C-alpha atoms as a PDB file:
ATOM      1  CA  UNK A   1       0.201   0.203   0.529  1.00  0.00           C
ATOM      2  CA  UNK A   2       2.980   2.472   1.171  1.00  0.00           C
ATOM      3  CA  UNK A   3       5.203   1.556  -1.774  1.00  0.00           C
ATOM      4  CA  UNK A   4       2.394   2.884  -4.288  1.00  0.00           C
ATOM      5  CA  UNK A   5       2.472   6.701  -3.362  1.00  0.00           C
ATOM      6  CA  UNK A   6       5.277   8.410  -5.549  1.00  0.00           C
ATOM      7  CA  UNK A   7       5.810  11.598  -5.180  1.00  0.00           C
ATOM      8  CA  UNK A   8       2.869  12.853  -7.552  1.00  0.00           C
ATOM      9  CA  UNK A   9       1.044  11.998  -5.589  1.00  0.00           C
ATOM     10  CA  UNK A  10      -2.202  14.302  -4.454  1.00  0.00           C
ATOM     11  CA  UNK A  11      -0.310  14.083  -0.724  1.00  0.00           C
ATOM     12  CA  UNK A  12       2.397  15.342  -1.679  1.00  0.00           C
ATOM     13  CA  UNK A  13       0.379  18.811  -2.299  1.00  0.00           C
ATOM     14  CA  UNK A  14      -1.442  19.258   0.511  1.00  0.00           C
ATOM     15  CA  UNK A  15      -0.286  22.262   2.879  1.00  0.00           C
ATOM     16  CA  UNK A  16       1.510  22.182   6.545  1.00  0.00           C
ATOM     17  CA  UNK A  17      -1.937  24.639   8.158  1.00  0.00           C
ATOM     18  CA  UNK A  18      -4.396  21.194   6.310  1.00  0.00           C
ATOM     19  CA  UNK A  19      -1.082  19.054   7.793  1.00  0.00           C
ATOM     20  CA  UNK A  20      -1.232  21.505  11.509  1.00  0.00           C
ATOM     21  CA  UNK A  21      -4.706  21.089  11.940  1.00  0.00           C
ATOM     22  CA  UNK A  22      -5.047  16.521  11.280  1.00  0.00           C
ATOM     23  CA  UNK A  23      -2.289  16.366  14.276  1.00  0.00           C
ATOM     24  CA  UNK A  24      -3.906  18.351  16.989  1.00  0.00           C
ATOM     25  CA  UNK A  25      -7.631  17.760  15.567  1.00  0.00           C
ATOM     26  CA  UNK A  26      -6.550  14.172  15.954  1.00  0.00           C
ATOM     27  CA  UNK A  27      -4.139  13.293  19.282  1.00  0.00           C
ATOM     28  CA  UNK A  28      -4.731  17.305  20.592  1.00  0.00           C
ATOM     29  CA  UNK A  29      -2.198  18.884  20.648  1.00  0.00           C
ATOM     30  CA  UNK A  30      -1.170  21.622  20.162  1.00  0.00           C
ATOM     31  CA  UNK A  31       1.474  22.251  17.069  1.00  0.00           C
ATOM     32  CA  UNK A  32       2.172  25.288  15.247  1.00  0.00           C
ATOM     33  CA  UNK A  33       5.287  24.064  12.733  1.00  0.00           C
ATOM     34  CA  UNK A  34       5.216  20.981  11.338  1.00  0.00           C
ATOM     35  CA  UNK A  35       9.598  21.145  12.854  1.00  0.00           C
ATOM     36  CA  UNK A  36       7.365  20.518  16.284  1.00  0.00           C
ATOM     37  CA  UNK A  37       7.198  16.463  14.766  1.00  0.00           C
ATOM     38  CA  UNK A  38      10.985  16.146  13.981  1.00  0.00           C
ATOM     39  CA  UNK A  39      11.397  13.994  17.685  1.00  0.00           C
ATOM     40  CA  UNK A  40       9.449  10.630  15.353  1.00  0.00           C
ATOM     41  CA  UNK A  41       6.903  10.374  18.838  1.00  0.00           C
ATOM     42  CA  UNK A  42       3.962  12.138  17.035  1.00  0.00           C
ATOM     43  CA  UNK A  43       4.537  10.007  13.814  1.00  0.00           C
ATOM     44  CA  UNK A  44       4.179   6.567  16.281  1.00  0.00           C
ATOM     45  CA  UNK A  45       1.543   7.600  18.067  1.00  0.00           C
ATOM     46  CA  UNK A  46      -0.487   8.411  14.070  1.00  0.00           C
ATOM     47  CA  UNK A  47       0.046   4.512  14.032  1.00  0.00           C
ATOM     48  CA  UNK A  48      -1.010   3.580  17.027  1.00  0.00           C
ATOM     49  CA  UNK A  49      -4.578   5.222  16.631  1.00  0.00           C
ATOM     50  CA  UNK A  50      -4.690   3.865  13.630  1.00  0.00           C
ATOM     51  CA  UNK A  51      -3.431   0.741  14.810  1.00  0.00           C
ATOM     52  CA  UNK A  52      -4.491   0.813  18.667  1.00  0.00           C
ATOM     53  CA  UNK A  53      -1.915  -1.012  20.172  1.00  0.00           C
ATOM     54  CA  UNK A  54       0.598  -1.824  17.571  1.00  0.00           C
ATOM     55  CA  UNK A  55       3.214   0.704  19.178  1.00  0.00           C
ATOM     56  CA  UNK A  56       4.614   0.304  22.353  1.00  0.00           C
ATOM     57  CA  UNK A  57       4.306   4.152  23.539  1.00  0.00           C
ATOM     58  CA  UNK A  58       5.659   3.705  26.646  1.00  0.00           C
ATOM     59  CA  UNK A  59       9.098   3.211  24.740  1.00  0.00           C
ATOM     60  CA  UNK A  60       8.007   6.724  23.214  1.00  0.00           C
ATOM     61  CA  UNK A  61       8.845   9.952  24.036  1.00  0.00           C
ATOM     62  CA  UNK A  62       7.223  12.891  23.984  1.00  0.00           C
ATOM     63  CA  UNK A  63      10.023  15.157  25.406  1.00  0.00           C
ATOM     64  CA  UNK A  64      12.672  13.764  23.063  1.00  0.00           C
ATOM     65  CA  UNK A  65      14.737  17.159  22.454  1.00  0.00           C
ATOM     66  CA  UNK A  66      18.749  15.514  21.717  1.00  0.00           C
ATOM     67  CA  UNK A  67      19.178  13.551  18.388  1.00  0.00           C
ATOM     68  CA  UNK A  68      20.203  10.522  20.585  1.00  0.00           C
ATOM     69  CA  UNK A  69      16.559  10.348  22.090  1.00  0.00           C
ATOM     70  CA  UNK A  70      14.533  11.552  18.803  1.00  0.00           C
ATOM     71  CA  UNK A  71      16.155   8.298  16.646  1.00  0.00           C
ATOM     72  CA  UNK A  72      15.160   6.161  19.423  1.00  0.00           C
ATOM     73  CA  UNK A  73      11.983   7.048  18.793  1.00  0.00           C
ATOM     74  CA  UNK A  74      12.123   6.441  15.552  1.00  0.00           C
ATOM     75  CA  UNK A  75      13.688   3.018  16.400  1.00  0.00           C
ATOM     76  CA  UNK A  76      10.270   2.353  17.113  1.00  0.00           C
ATOM     77  CA  UNK A  77       8.876   3.690  14.224  1.00  0.00           C
ATOM     78  CA  UNK A  78      10.867   1.124  11.999  1.00  0.00           C
ATOM     79  CA  UNK A  79      10.070  -1.256  14.225  1.00  0.00           C
ATOM     80  CA  UNK A  80       6.397  -0.715  13.703  1.00  0.00           C
ATOM     81  CA  UNK A  81       6.610  -0.140   9.981  1.00  0.00           C
ATOM     82  CA  UNK A  82       8.478  -3.955   9.932  1.00  0.00           C
ATOM     83  CA  UNK A  83       5.537  -5.118  11.909  1.00  0.00           C
ATOM     84  CA  UNK A  84       3.482  -4.181   9.286  1.00  0.00           C
ATOM     85  CA  UNK A  85       5.918  -4.787   6.062  1.00  0.00           C
ATOM     86  CA  UNK A  86       5.396  -1.114   5.113  1.00  0.00           C
ATOM     87  CA  UNK A  87       7.639  -0.477   2.768  1.00  0.00           C
ATOM     88  CA  UNK A  88       8.729   2.815   3.784  1.00  0.00           C
ATOM     89  CA  UNK A  89      12.812   4.582   3.787  1.00  0.00           C
ATOM     90  CA  UNK A  90      12.222   6.455   6.795  1.00  0.00           C
ATOM     91  CA  UNK A  91      14.813   9.717   6.643  1.00  0.00           C
ATOM     92  CA  UNK A  92      15.560   9.639  10.484  1.00  0.00           C
ATOM     93  CA  UNK A  93      19.679  11.453   9.516  1.00  0.00           C
ATOM     94  CA  UNK A  94      17.608  14.601   8.466  1.00  0.00           C
ATOM     95  CA  UNK A  95      13.942  14.092  10.264  1.00  0.00           C
ATOM     96  CA  UNK A  96      16.268  14.985  13.224  1.00  0.00           C
ATOM     97  CA  UNK A  97      17.871  18.144  12.237  1.00  0.00           C
ATOM     98  CA  UNK A  98      14.025  19.015  11.959  1.00  0.00           C
ATOM     99  CA  UNK A  99      14.203  20.218   8.616  1.00  0.00           C
ATOM    100  CA  UNK A 100      11.037  21.666   7.678  1.00  0.00           C
ATOM    101  CA  UNK A 101      10.722  20.256   4.298  1.00  0.00           C
ATOM    102  CA  UNK A 102      11.727  17.118   5.024  1.00  0.00           C
ATOM    103  CA  UNK A 103       9.430  16.477   8.120  1.00  0.00           C
ATOM    104  CA  UNK A 104       6.427  18.005   5.727  1.00  0.00           C
ATOM    105  CA  UNK A 105       7.273  15.412   2.759  1.00  0.00           C
ATOM    106  CA  UNK A 106       7.340  12.277   5.865  1.00  0.00           C
ATOM    107  CA  UNK A 107       4.171  13.929   7.637  1.00  0.00           C
ATOM    108  CA  UNK A 108       2.828  14.154   4.088  1.00  0.00           C
ATOM    109  CA  UNK A 109       2.635  10.643   2.749  1.00  0.00           C
ATOM    110  CA  UNK A 110       1.328   9.447   6.931  1.00  0.00           C
ATOM    111  CA  UNK A 111      -1.394  11.144   6.825  1.00  0.00           C
ATOM    112  CA  UNK A 112      -2.272   9.807   3.143  1.00  0.00           C
ATOM    113  CA  UNK A 113      -1.520   5.992   4.611  1.00  0.00           C
ATOM    114  CA  UNK A 114      -3.717   6.550   7.996  1.00  0.00           C
ATOM    115  CA  UNK A 115      -6.459   7.904   5.470  1.00  0.00           C
ATOM    116  CA  UNK A 116      -5.836   4.960   2.729  1.00  0.00           C
ATOM    117  CA  UNK A 117      -6.662   2.644   6.316  1.00  0.00           C
ATOM    118  CA  UNK A 118      -8.995   3.758   7.923  1.00  0.00           C
ATOM    119  CA  UNK A 119     -11.073   6.075   5.094  1.00  0.00           C
ATOM    120  CA  UNK A 120      -9.684   9.512   7.012  1.00  0.00           C
ATOM    121  CA  UNK A 121     -12.148   8.931   9.485  1.00  0.00           C
ATOM    122  CA  UNK A 122     -10.693   9.420  13.493  1.00  0.00           C
ATOM    123  CA  UNK A 123     -11.233   6.429  16.108  1.00  0.00           C
ATOM    124  CA  UNK A 124     -13.391   8.137  18.594  1.00  0.00           C
ATOM    125  CA  UNK A 125     -12.483   5.266  20.786  1.00  0.00           C
ATOM    126  CA  UNK A 126      -8.756   6.082  21.054  1.00  0.00           C
ATOM    127  CA  UNK A 127      -7.593   8.845  23.370  1.00  0.00           C
ATOM    128  CA  UNK A 128      -4.509  10.200  22.407  1.00  0.00           C
ATOM    129  CA  UNK A 129      -4.275  11.615  25.691  1.00  0.00           C
ATOM    130  CA  UNK A 130      -4.876   8.934  27.848  1.00  0.00           C
ATOM    131  CA  UNK A 131      -2.129   6.564  25.989  1.00  0.00           C
ATOM    132  CA  UNK A 132       0.487   9.403  26.378  1.00  0.00           C
ATOM    133  CA  UNK A 133       0.166   9.307  29.648  1.00  0.00           C
ATOM    134  CA  UNK A 134       0.344   5.672  30.515  1.00  0.00           C
ATOM    135  CA  UNK A 135       3.344   5.388  28.554  1.00  0.00           C
ATOM    136  CA  UNK A 136       5.180   8.313  30.381  1.00  0.00           C
ATOM    137  CA  UNK A 137       4.055   6.819  33.496  1.00  0.00           C
ATOM    138  CA  UNK A 138       4.983   3.100  32.424  1.00  0.00           C
ATOM    139  CA  UNK A 139       8.811   4.685  30.713  1.00  0.00           C
ATOM    140  CA  UNK A 140       9.181   6.813  34.247  1.00  0.00           C
ATOM    141  CA  UNK A 141       8.124   3.273  36.861  1.00  0.00           C
ATOM    142  CA  UNK A 142      10.561   2.193  34.249  1.00  0.00           C
ATOM    143  CA  UNK A 143      13.020   4.627  34.421  1.00  0.00           C
ATOM    144  CA  UNK A 144      12.588   4.923  38.185  1.00  0.00           C
ATOM    145  CA  UNK A 145      13.379   1.346  38.897  1.00  0.00           C
ATOM    146  CA  UNK A 146      16.636   1.165  36.775  1.00  0.00           C
ATOM    147  CA  UNK A 147      18.067   4.332  38.422  1.00  0.00           C
ATOM    148  CA  UNK A 148      17.008   1.698  41.903  1.00  0.00           C
ATOM    149  CA  UNK A 149      19.089  -0.831  41.088  1.00  0.00           C
ATOM    150  CA  UNK A 150      21.608   1.590  39.949  1.00  0.00           C
ATOM    151  CA  UNK A 151      21.102   3.026  43.541  1.00  0.00           C
ATOM    152  CA  UNK A 152      21.766   0.103  44.999  1.00  0.00           C
ATOM    153  CA  UNK A 153      24.775  -1.210  42.873  1.00  0.00           C
ATOM    154  CA  UNK A 154      26.397   1.882  43.945  1.00  0.00           C
ATOM    155  CA  UNK A 155      25.767   1.634  47.975  1.00  0.00           C
ATOM    156  CA  UNK A 156      26.878  -2.314  47.066  1.00  0.00           C
ATOM    157  CA  UNK A 157      30.133  -0.473  45.588  1.00  0.00           C
ATOM    158  CA  UNK A 158      30.935   2.186  47.955  1.00  0.00           C
ATOM    159  CA  UNK A 159      29.489  -0.571  50.949  1.00  0.00           C
ATOM    160  CA  UNK A 160      33.082  -2.988  49.286  1.00  0.00           C
ATOM    161  CA  UNK A 161      35.593   0.291  49.074  1.00  0.00           C
ATOM    162  CA  UNK A 162      34.616   1.198  52.481  1.00  0.00           C
ATOM    163  CA  UNK A 163      35.651  -2.108  53.847  1.00  0.00           C
ATOM    164  CA  UNK A 164      38.564  -2.670  51.385  1.00  0.00           C
ATOM    165  CA  UNK A 165      40.193   0.864  52.950  1.00  0.00           C
ATOM    166  CA  UNK A 166      39.374  -0.465  56.779  1.00  0.00           C
ATOM    167  CA  UNK A 167      40.342  -3.642  56.198  1.00  0.00           C
ATOM    168  CA  UNK A 168      43.229  -4.066  53.352  1.00  0.00           C
ATOM    169  CA  UNK A 169      44.253  -1.121  50.167  1.00  0.00           C
ATOM    170  CA  UNK A 170      44.540  -3.815  47.815  1.00  0.00           C
ATOM    171  CA  UNK A 171      41.163  -4.583  48.674  1.00  0.00           C
ATOM    172  CA  UNK A 172      39.855  -0.448  47.750  1.00  0.00           C
ATOM    173  CA  UNK A 173      42.713  -1.331  43.939  1.00  0.00           C
ATOM    174  CA  UNK A 174      40.796  -4.145  42.872  1.00  0.00           C
ATOM    175  CA  UNK A 175      37.156  -2.633  43.506  1.00  0.00           C
ATOM    176  CA  UNK A 176      38.033   0.286  41.164  1.00  0.00           C
ATOM    177  CA  UNK A 177      40.088  -1.361  38.825  1.00  0.00           C
ATOM    178  CA  UNK A 178      36.344  -3.533  37.918  1.00  0.00           C
ATOM    179  CA  UNK A 179      34.787  -0.220  37.946  1.00  0.00           C
ATOM    180  CA  UNK A 180      37.135   1.336  36.316  1.00  0.00           C
ATOM    181  CA  UNK A 181      36.580  -1.564  33.418  1.00  0.00           C
ATOM    182  CA  UNK A 182      31.769  -1.533  33.468  1.00  0.00           C
ATOM    183  CA  UNK A 183      32.663   2.270  33.128  1.00  0.00           C
ATOM    184  CA  UNK A 184      35.124   1.280  29.181  1.00  0.00           C
ATOM    185  CA  UNK A 185      32.972  -1.494  28.862  1.00  0.00           C
ATOM    186  CA  UNK A 186      29.483   0.186  28.684  1.00  0.00           C
ATOM    187  CA  UNK A 187      30.655   3.246  27.250  1.00  0.00           C
ATOM    188  CA  UNK A 188      31.918   0.886  24.027  1.00  0.00           C
ATOM    189  CA  UNK A 189      29.236  -0.499  23.438  1.00  0.00           C
ATOM    190  CA  UNK A 190      27.221   2.276  23.658  1.00  0.00           C
ATOM    191  CA  UNK A 191      29.467   3.506  21.056  1.00  0.00           C
ATOM    192  CA  UNK A 192      29.744   0.328  19.712  1.00  0.00           C
ATOM    193  CA  UNK A 193      25.822   0.613  18.494  1.00  0.00           C
ATOM    194  CA  UNK A 194      26.315   4.120  17.009  1.00  0.00           C
ATOM    195  CA  UNK A 195      28.543   2.766  15.005  1.00  0.00           C
ATOM    196  CA  UNK A 196      25.727  -0.014  13.556  1.00  0.00           C
ATOM    197  CA  UNK A 197      22.898   2.622  13.958  1.00  0.00           C
ATOM    198  CA  UNK A 198      24.910   4.762  11.511  1.00  0.00           C
ATOM    199  CA  UNK A 199      26.411   2.466   8.750  1.00  0.00           C
ATOM    200  CA  UNK A 200      22.929   1.187   8.740  1.00  0.00           C
ATOM    201  CA  UNK A 201      21.073   4.468   7.904  1.00  0.00           C
ATOM    202  CA  UNK A 202      23.830   5.246   5.182  1.00  0.00           C
ATOM    203  CA  UNK A 203      22.502   1.769   3.673  1.00  0.00           C
ATOM    204  CA  UNK A 204      19.361   2.914   3.267  1.00  0.00           C
ATOM    205  CA  UNK A 205      20.393   6.145   2.082  1.00  0.00           C
ATOM    206  CA  UNK A 206      22.701   4.679  -0.556  1.00  0.00           C
ATOM    207  CA  UNK A 207      19.902   2.635  -1.719  1.00  0.00           C
ATOM    208  CA  UNK A 208      17.138   5.064  -1.747  1.00  0.00           C
ATOM    209  CA  UNK A 209      19.587   7.595  -4.325  1.00  0.00           C
ATOM    210  CA  UNK A 210      20.268   4.586  -6.882  1.00  0.00           C
ATOM    211  CA  UNK A 211      16.443   3.697  -6.712  1.00  0.00           C
ATOM    212  CA  UNK A 212      15.886   7.031  -7.839  1.00  0.00           C
ATOM    213  CA  UNK A 213      18.964   7.266 -10.023  1.00  0.00           C
ATOM    214  CA  UNK A 214      17.022   4.071 -11.971  1.00  0.00           C
ATOM    215  CA  UNK A 215      14.371   5.464 -12.110  1.00  0.00           C
ATOM    216  CA  UNK A 216      16.032   8.836 -13.240  1.00  0.00           C
ATOM    217  CA  UNK A 217      17.259   6.416 -16.080  1.00  0.00           C
ATOM    218  CA  UNK A 218      14.386   4.652 -17.143  1.00  0.00           C
ATOM    219  CA  UNK A 219      12.739   7.773 -18.185  1.00  0.00           C
ATOM    220  CA  UNK A 220      15.989   9.302 -20.111  1.00  0.00           C
ATOM    221  CA  UNK A 221      14.653   5.829 -21.986  1.00  0.00           C
ATOM    222  CA  UNK A 222      11.879   6.827 -22.959  1.00  0.00           C
ATOM    223  CA  UNK A 223      10.616   7.736 -26.839  1.00  0.00           C
ATOM    224  CA  UNK A 224       9.222  10.899 -25.281  1.00  0.00           C
ATOM    225  CA  UNK A 225      12.770  12.285 -23.749  1.00  0.00           C
ATOM    226  CA  UNK A 226      14.988  10.651 -27.177  1.00  0.00           C
ATOM    227  CA  UNK A 227      12.508  12.923 -29.695  1.00  0.00           C
ATOM    228  CA  UNK A 228      13.537  16.016 -28.270  1.00  0.00           C
ATOM    229  CA  UNK A 229      16.772  18.261 -27.802  1.00  0.00           C
ATOM    230  CA  UNK A 230      18.900  17.639 -24.658  1.00  0.00           C
ATOM    231  CA  UNK A 231      18.003  21.107 -22.737  1.00  0.00           C
ATOM    232  CA  UNK A 232      14.239  20.602 -23.524  1.00  0.00           C
ATOM    233  CA  UNK A 233      14.533  17.196 -22.328  1.00  0.00           C
ATOM    234  CA  UNK A 234      15.996  18.463 -18.862  1.00  0.00           C
ATOM    235  CA  UNK A 235      13.065  21.271 -18.685  1.00  0.00           C
ATOM    236  CA  UNK A 236      10.607  18.935 -18.934  1.00  0.00           C
ATOM    237  CA  UNK A 237      11.882  16.681 -16.814  1.00  0.00           C
ATOM    238  CA  UNK A 238      13.093  19.172 -13.944  1.00  0.00           C
ATOM    239  CA  UNK A 239       9.720  20.124 -13.684  1.00  0.00           C
ATOM    240  CA  UNK A 240       7.926  17.021 -12.667  1.00  0.00           C
ATOM    241  CA  UNK A 241      10.245  16.430  -9.665  1.00  0.00           C
ATOM    242  CA  UNK A 242       9.009  16.934  -6.814  1.00  0.00           C
ATOM    243  CA  UNK A 243      10.200  20.907  -5.546  1.00  0.00           C
ATOM    244  CA  UNK A 244      11.944  19.887  -2.627  1.00  0.00           C
ATOM    245  CA  UNK A 245      14.298  17.602  -4.941  1.00  0.00           C
ATOM    246  CA  UNK A 246      15.325  20.138  -7.175  1.00  0.00           C
ATOM    247  CA  UNK A 247      18.552  21.065  -5.991  1.00  0.00           C
ATOM    248  CA  UNK A 248      19.273  17.737  -5.096  1.00  0.00           C
ATOM    249  CA  UNK A 249      18.377  15.774  -8.782  1.00  0.00           C
ATOM    250  CA  UNK A 250      18.590  18.398 -11.318  1.00  0.00           C
ATOM    251  CA  UNK A 251      22.557  18.386 -11.447  1.00  0.00           C
ATOM    252  CA  UNK A 252      22.507  14.580 -11.543  1.00  0.00           C
ATOM    253  CA  UNK A 253      19.710  14.450 -14.388  1.00  0.00           C
ATOM    254  CA  UNK A 254      21.598  17.019 -16.193  1.00  0.00           C
ATOM    255  CA  UNK A 255      25.017  15.198 -16.233  1.00  0.00           C
ATOM    256  CA  UNK A 256      22.384  11.571 -17.202  1.00  0.00           C
ATOM    257  CA  UNK A 257      20.775  13.494 -20.313  1.00  0.00           C
ATOM    258  CA  UNK A 258      23.653  14.499 -20.962  1.00  0.00           C
ATOM    259  CA  UNK A 259      26.572  11.604 -20.619  1.00  0.00           C
ATOM    260  CA  UNK A 260      22.948   9.906 -23.416  1.00  0.00           C
ATOM    261  CA  UNK A 261      23.399  13.080 -26.135  1.00  0.00           C
ATOM    262  CA  UNK A 262      27.568  12.642 -26.097  1.00  0.00           C
ATOM    263  CA  UNK A 263      26.520   8.373 -26.529  1.00  0.00           C
ATOM    264  CA  UNK A 264      23.721   9.465 -29.039  1.00  0.00           C
ATOM    265  CA  UNK A 265      26.677  11.838 -31.373  1.00  0.00           C
ATOM    266  CA  UNK A 266      29.189   9.179 -31.954  1.00  0.00           C
END
């Protein structure tokens, strides 16, 4: 279903005011700019409204401010995409930057998808505020449990350090060494996780642009473009590209058309 929503679909011509009105009315929020949805929390709850209960809302952080916290929300969103078998590439590295056009385009796609599922009819039995509140409480409870366990761990370590000071100097040194090793392991694990995520995003972005270039190549081979001059072909194709992508694809399309023209001349 989602793969049939192309760039020239009418969904991508919906204005930002309509998008913001849809979000605010559906989720009972008060967004004034599309960039405020850059954290990915809004997208998660929109799917939770469309498919009630499918999103683990306790993992969604509506207060996410850092890119790291936002990425965690998009991980949840990607897991839901996988469950629903939605073949949609999420430009996480662009969305978390708060770029207006990227966020608008993704929200336009999301509205089109949700409308295609529920026919544009809001689920009256869905309480967005309650879902956010329950999710926040569960997240806070789990966070408190983690903090309590961490506090217990610190207390036990401090107790061990004190015992080592009273009894033998060597024991204290052994505890310090274990603590330092544990901290280093945690930092390295976090770094490895972030690197894996970066590699995954780069691979998805590579596949995305390769597919777009393939579409350009196929379009250049159509008889309609073959019979036109290079400049006219470029202008005609450039006018059909979505405005958000003109700057990025313009040079690539021009290069492809020029190469094709030169090969025909030789």
